[in-house]
Amino acid sequence: MPRSQRRALTHPDVDEFDLLDVLHALSDPTRMTIVRTLHADPERACGTFPVDVAPSTLTHHFRVLREAGVIRQREDGNRRWTALRLDDLDARFPGVLDALVTAYERQLGAPSPQPQ
């Protein structure tokens, strides 16, 4: 499908966030890598995440995160930019995302990805 005919990206309103949807979205290591990366670097182009998956798989992970309200994506020319919706998530579920990212990093024994 040509870029000009892509479907519009949909993002839930804050009051539509469901905690179980957010937890499900964060239950995958690839999606947690995306979230950890955005936690350190607020907005990135879609092809710049440190993940080793096929483009179609990465698109799936972005969709799961976007539909749960964890990320927001926007088109800019031929690039799609992704940002963490930390303020929105904190408004709905205070401290949950920070706690989950911290716990996940502790489990990995790794520091947060560094901004570029």
C-alpha atoms as a PDB file:
ATOM      1  CA  MET A   1       0.000   0.000   0.000  1.00  0.00           C
ATOM      2  CA  PRO A   2       1.526   3.381  -0.959  1.00  0.00           C
ATOM      3  CA  ARG A   3       2.386   5.616   1.994  1.00  0.00           C
ATOM      4  CA  SER A   4      -0.223   8.153   0.922  1.00  0.00           C
ATOM      5  CA  GLN A   5      -2.893   5.468   1.342  1.00  0.00           C
ATOM      6  CA  ARG A   6      -1.814   4.120   4.744  1.00  0.00           C
ATOM      7  CA  ARG A   7      -4.506   3.828   7.335  1.00  0.00           C
ATOM      8  CA  ALA A   8      -4.496   6.590   9.921  1.00  0.00           C
ATOM      9  CA  LEU A   9      -2.789   5.622  13.156  1.00  0.00           C
ATOM     10  CA  THR A  10      -5.186   5.265  16.063  1.00  0.00           C
ATOM     11  CA  HIS A  11      -4.257   6.009  19.657  1.00  0.00           C
ATOM     12  CA  PRO A  12      -6.552   5.438  22.630  1.00  0.00           C
ATOM     13  CA  ASP A  13      -7.517   8.331  24.881  1.00  0.00           C
ATOM     14  CA  VAL A  14      -6.069   8.209  28.401  1.00  0.00           C
ATOM     15  CA  ASP A  15      -9.438   7.296  29.914  1.00  0.00           C
ATOM     16  CA  GLU A  16      -9.557   4.263  27.584  1.00  0.00           C
ATOM     17  CA  PHE A  17      -6.288   2.783  28.881  1.00  0.00           C
ATOM     18  CA  ASP A  18      -6.760  -0.640  30.459  1.00  0.00           C
ATOM     19  CA  LEU A  19      -4.128  -1.850  32.910  1.00  0.00           C
ATOM     20  CA  LEU A  20      -4.284  -5.422  31.625  1.00  0.00           C
ATOM     21  CA  ASP A  21      -3.762  -4.219  28.033  1.00  0.00           C
ATOM     22  CA  VAL A  22      -0.715  -2.213  29.149  1.00  0.00           C
ATOM     23  CA  LEU A  23       0.695  -5.181  31.077  1.00  0.00           C
ATOM     24  CA  HIS A  24       0.103  -7.465  28.085  1.00  0.00           C
ATOM     25  CA  ALA A  25       1.861  -4.984  25.798  1.00  0.00           C
ATOM     26  CA  LEU A  26       4.850  -4.961  28.145  1.00  0.00           C
ATOM     27  CA  SER A  27       5.003  -8.750  28.472  1.00  0.00           C
ATOM     28  CA  ASP A  28       7.279  -9.260  25.457  1.00  0.00           C
ATOM     29  CA  PRO A  29      11.082  -8.752  25.544  1.00  0.00           C
ATOM     30  CA  THR A  30      11.134  -6.960  22.179  1.00  0.00           C
ATOM     31  CA  ARG A  31       8.409  -4.562  23.285  1.00  0.00           C
ATOM     32  CA  MET A  32      10.227  -3.957  26.569  1.00  0.00           C
ATOM     33  CA  THR A  33      13.371  -3.113  24.594  1.00  0.00           C
ATOM     34  CA  ILE A  34      11.344  -0.561  22.614  1.00  0.00           C
ATOM     35  CA  VAL A  35       9.928   0.924  25.839  1.00  0.00           C
ATOM     36  CA  ARG A  36      13.324   0.969  27.596  1.00  0.00           C
ATOM     37  CA  THR A  37      14.849   2.709  24.578  1.00  0.00           C
ATOM     38  CA  LEU A  38      12.098   5.343  24.560  1.00  0.00           C
ATOM     39  CA  HIS A  39      12.408   5.746  28.325  1.00  0.00           C
ATOM     40  CA  ALA A  40      16.010   6.896  27.720  1.00  0.00           C
ATOM     41  CA  ASP A  41      15.382   8.726  24.409  1.00  0.00           C
ATOM     42  CA  PRO A  42      11.895  10.271  24.190  1.00  0.00           C
ATOM     43  CA  GLU A  43      11.314   9.969  20.427  1.00  0.00           C
ATOM     44  CA  ARG A  44      12.927   7.832  17.741  1.00  0.00           C
ATOM     45  CA  ALA A  45      12.415   6.948  14.118  1.00  0.00           C
ATOM     46  CA  CYS A  46      10.942   3.470  13.766  1.00  0.00           C
ATOM     47  CA  GLY A  47      13.935   1.868  12.077  1.00  0.00           C
ATOM     48  CA  THR A  48      16.406   2.927  14.776  1.00  0.00           C
ATOM     49  CA  PHE A  49      15.467   0.634  17.669  1.00  0.00           C
ATOM     50  CA  PRO A  50      18.065  -1.903  18.890  1.00  0.00           C
ATOM     51  CA  VAL A  51      15.967  -4.973  18.113  1.00  0.00           C
ATOM     52  CA  ASP A  52      16.702  -7.916  15.845  1.00  0.00           C
ATOM     53  CA  VAL A  53      13.335  -8.701  14.279  1.00  0.00           C
ATOM     54  CA  ALA A  54      11.860  -8.535  10.790  1.00  0.00           C
ATOM     55  CA  PRO A  55      10.235  -5.219   9.826  1.00  0.00           C
ATOM     56  CA  SER A  56       6.793  -6.849   9.764  1.00  0.00           C
ATOM     57  CA  THR A  57       7.333  -8.195  13.286  1.00  0.00           C
ATOM     58  CA  LEU A  58       8.487  -4.784  14.497  1.00  0.00           C
ATOM     59  CA  THR A  59       5.321  -3.257  12.994  1.00  0.00           C
ATOM     60  CA  HIS A  60       3.269  -5.784  14.982  1.00  0.00           C
ATOM     61  CA  HIS A  61       5.060  -4.864  18.229  1.00  0.00           C
ATOM     62  CA  PHE A  62       4.498  -1.154  17.593  1.00  0.00           C
ATOM     63  CA  ARG A  63       0.791  -1.813  16.967  1.00  0.00           C
ATOM     64  CA  VAL A  64       0.405  -3.723  20.258  1.00  0.00           C
ATOM     65  CA  LEU A  65       2.148  -0.933  22.184  1.00  0.00           C
ATOM     66  CA  ARG A  66       0.198   1.811  20.379  1.00  0.00           C
ATOM     67  CA  GLU A  67      -3.210   0.183  20.861  1.00  0.00           C
ATOM     68  CA  ALA A  68      -2.498  -0.275  24.585  1.00  0.00           C
ATOM     69  CA  GLY A  69      -1.602   3.429  24.882  1.00  0.00           C
ATOM     70  CA  VAL A  70       2.075   2.871  25.693  1.00  0.00           C
ATOM     71  CA  ILE A  71       3.423   4.715  22.628  1.00  0.00           C
ATOM     72  CA  ARG A  72       2.300   7.401  20.208  1.00  0.00           C
ATOM     73  CA  GLN A  73       3.397   7.360  16.583  1.00  0.00           C
ATOM     74  CA  ARG A  74       3.380  10.127  14.014  1.00  0.00           C
ATOM     75  CA  GLU A  75       4.229  10.381  10.341  1.00  0.00           C
ATOM     76  CA  ASP A  76       6.809  12.908   9.183  1.00  0.00           C
ATOM     77  CA  GLY A  77       7.497  12.659   5.464  1.00  0.00           C
ATOM     78  CA  ASN A  78       8.622   9.116   4.775  1.00  0.00           C
ATOM     79  CA  ARG A  79       9.466   8.366   8.420  1.00  0.00           C
ATOM     80  CA  ARG A  80       7.345   7.232  11.304  1.00  0.00           C
ATOM     81  CA  TRP A  81       8.373   8.536  14.715  1.00  0.00           C
ATOM     82  CA  THR A  82       7.601   6.784  17.978  1.00  0.00           C
ATOM     83  CA  ALA A  83       7.322   8.355  21.440  1.00  0.00           C
ATOM     84  CA  LEU A  84       6.571   6.964  24.876  1.00  0.00           C
ATOM     85  CA  ARG A  85       3.292   8.205  26.393  1.00  0.00           C
ATOM     86  CA  LEU A  86       4.809   8.387  29.877  1.00  0.00           C
ATOM     87  CA  ASP A  87       2.791  11.417  31.030  1.00  0.00           C
ATOM     88  CA  ASP A  88      -0.463   9.822  29.868  1.00  0.00           C
ATOM     89  CA  LEU A  89       0.400   6.491  31.480  1.00  0.00           C
ATOM     90  CA  ASP A  90       1.385   8.215  34.733  1.00  0.00           C
ATOM     91  CA  ALA A  91      -1.885  10.143  34.733  1.00  0.00           C
ATOM     92  CA  ARG A  92      -3.862   6.905  34.469  1.00  0.00           C
ATOM     93  CA  PHE A  93      -1.579   4.501  36.384  1.00  0.00           C
ATOM     94  CA  PRO A  94       0.868   6.575  38.480  1.00  0.00           C
ATOM     95  CA  GLY A  95       4.365   5.123  38.628  1.00  0.00           C
ATOM     96  CA  VAL A  96       3.497   1.809  36.955  1.00  0.00           C
ATOM     97  CA  LEU A  97       5.663   2.191  33.859  1.00  0.00           C
ATOM     98  CA  ASP A  98       8.704   3.445  35.765  1.00  0.00           C
ATOM     99  CA  ALA A  99       8.363   0.570  38.245  1.00  0.00           C
ATOM    100  CA  LEU A 100       8.074  -2.028  35.482  1.00  0.00           C
ATOM    101  CA  VAL A 101      11.025  -0.657  33.502  1.00  0.00           C
ATOM    102  CA  THR A 102      13.177  -0.513  36.654  1.00  0.00           C
ATOM    103  CA  ALA A 103      12.211  -4.068  37.660  1.00  0.00           C
ATOM    104  CA  TYR A 104      12.874  -5.365  34.134  1.00  0.00           C
ATOM    105  CA  GLU A 105      16.295  -3.714  34.005  1.00  0.00           C
ATOM    106  CA  ARG A 106      17.142  -5.155  37.425  1.00  0.00           C
ATOM    107  CA  GLN A 107      16.119  -8.586  36.154  1.00  0.00           C
ATOM    108  CA  LEU A 108      18.368  -8.158  33.117  1.00  0.00           C
ATOM    109  CA  GLY A 109      21.203  -6.744  35.196  1.00  0.00           C
ATOM    110  CA  ALA A 110      21.579  -4.057  32.552  1.00  0.00           C
ATOM    111  CA  PRO A 111      21.429  -0.263  32.613  1.00  0.00           C
ATOM    112  CA  SER A 112      18.934   1.666  30.507  1.00  0.00           C
ATOM    113  CA  PRO A 113      19.858   2.203  26.847  1.00  0.00           C
ATOM    114  CA  GLN A 114      21.709   5.487  26.421  1.00  0.00           C
ATOM    115  CA  PRO A 115      20.254   8.311  24.285  1.00  0.00           C
ATOM    116  CA  GLN A 116      21.915   8.805  20.909  1.00  0.00           C
END
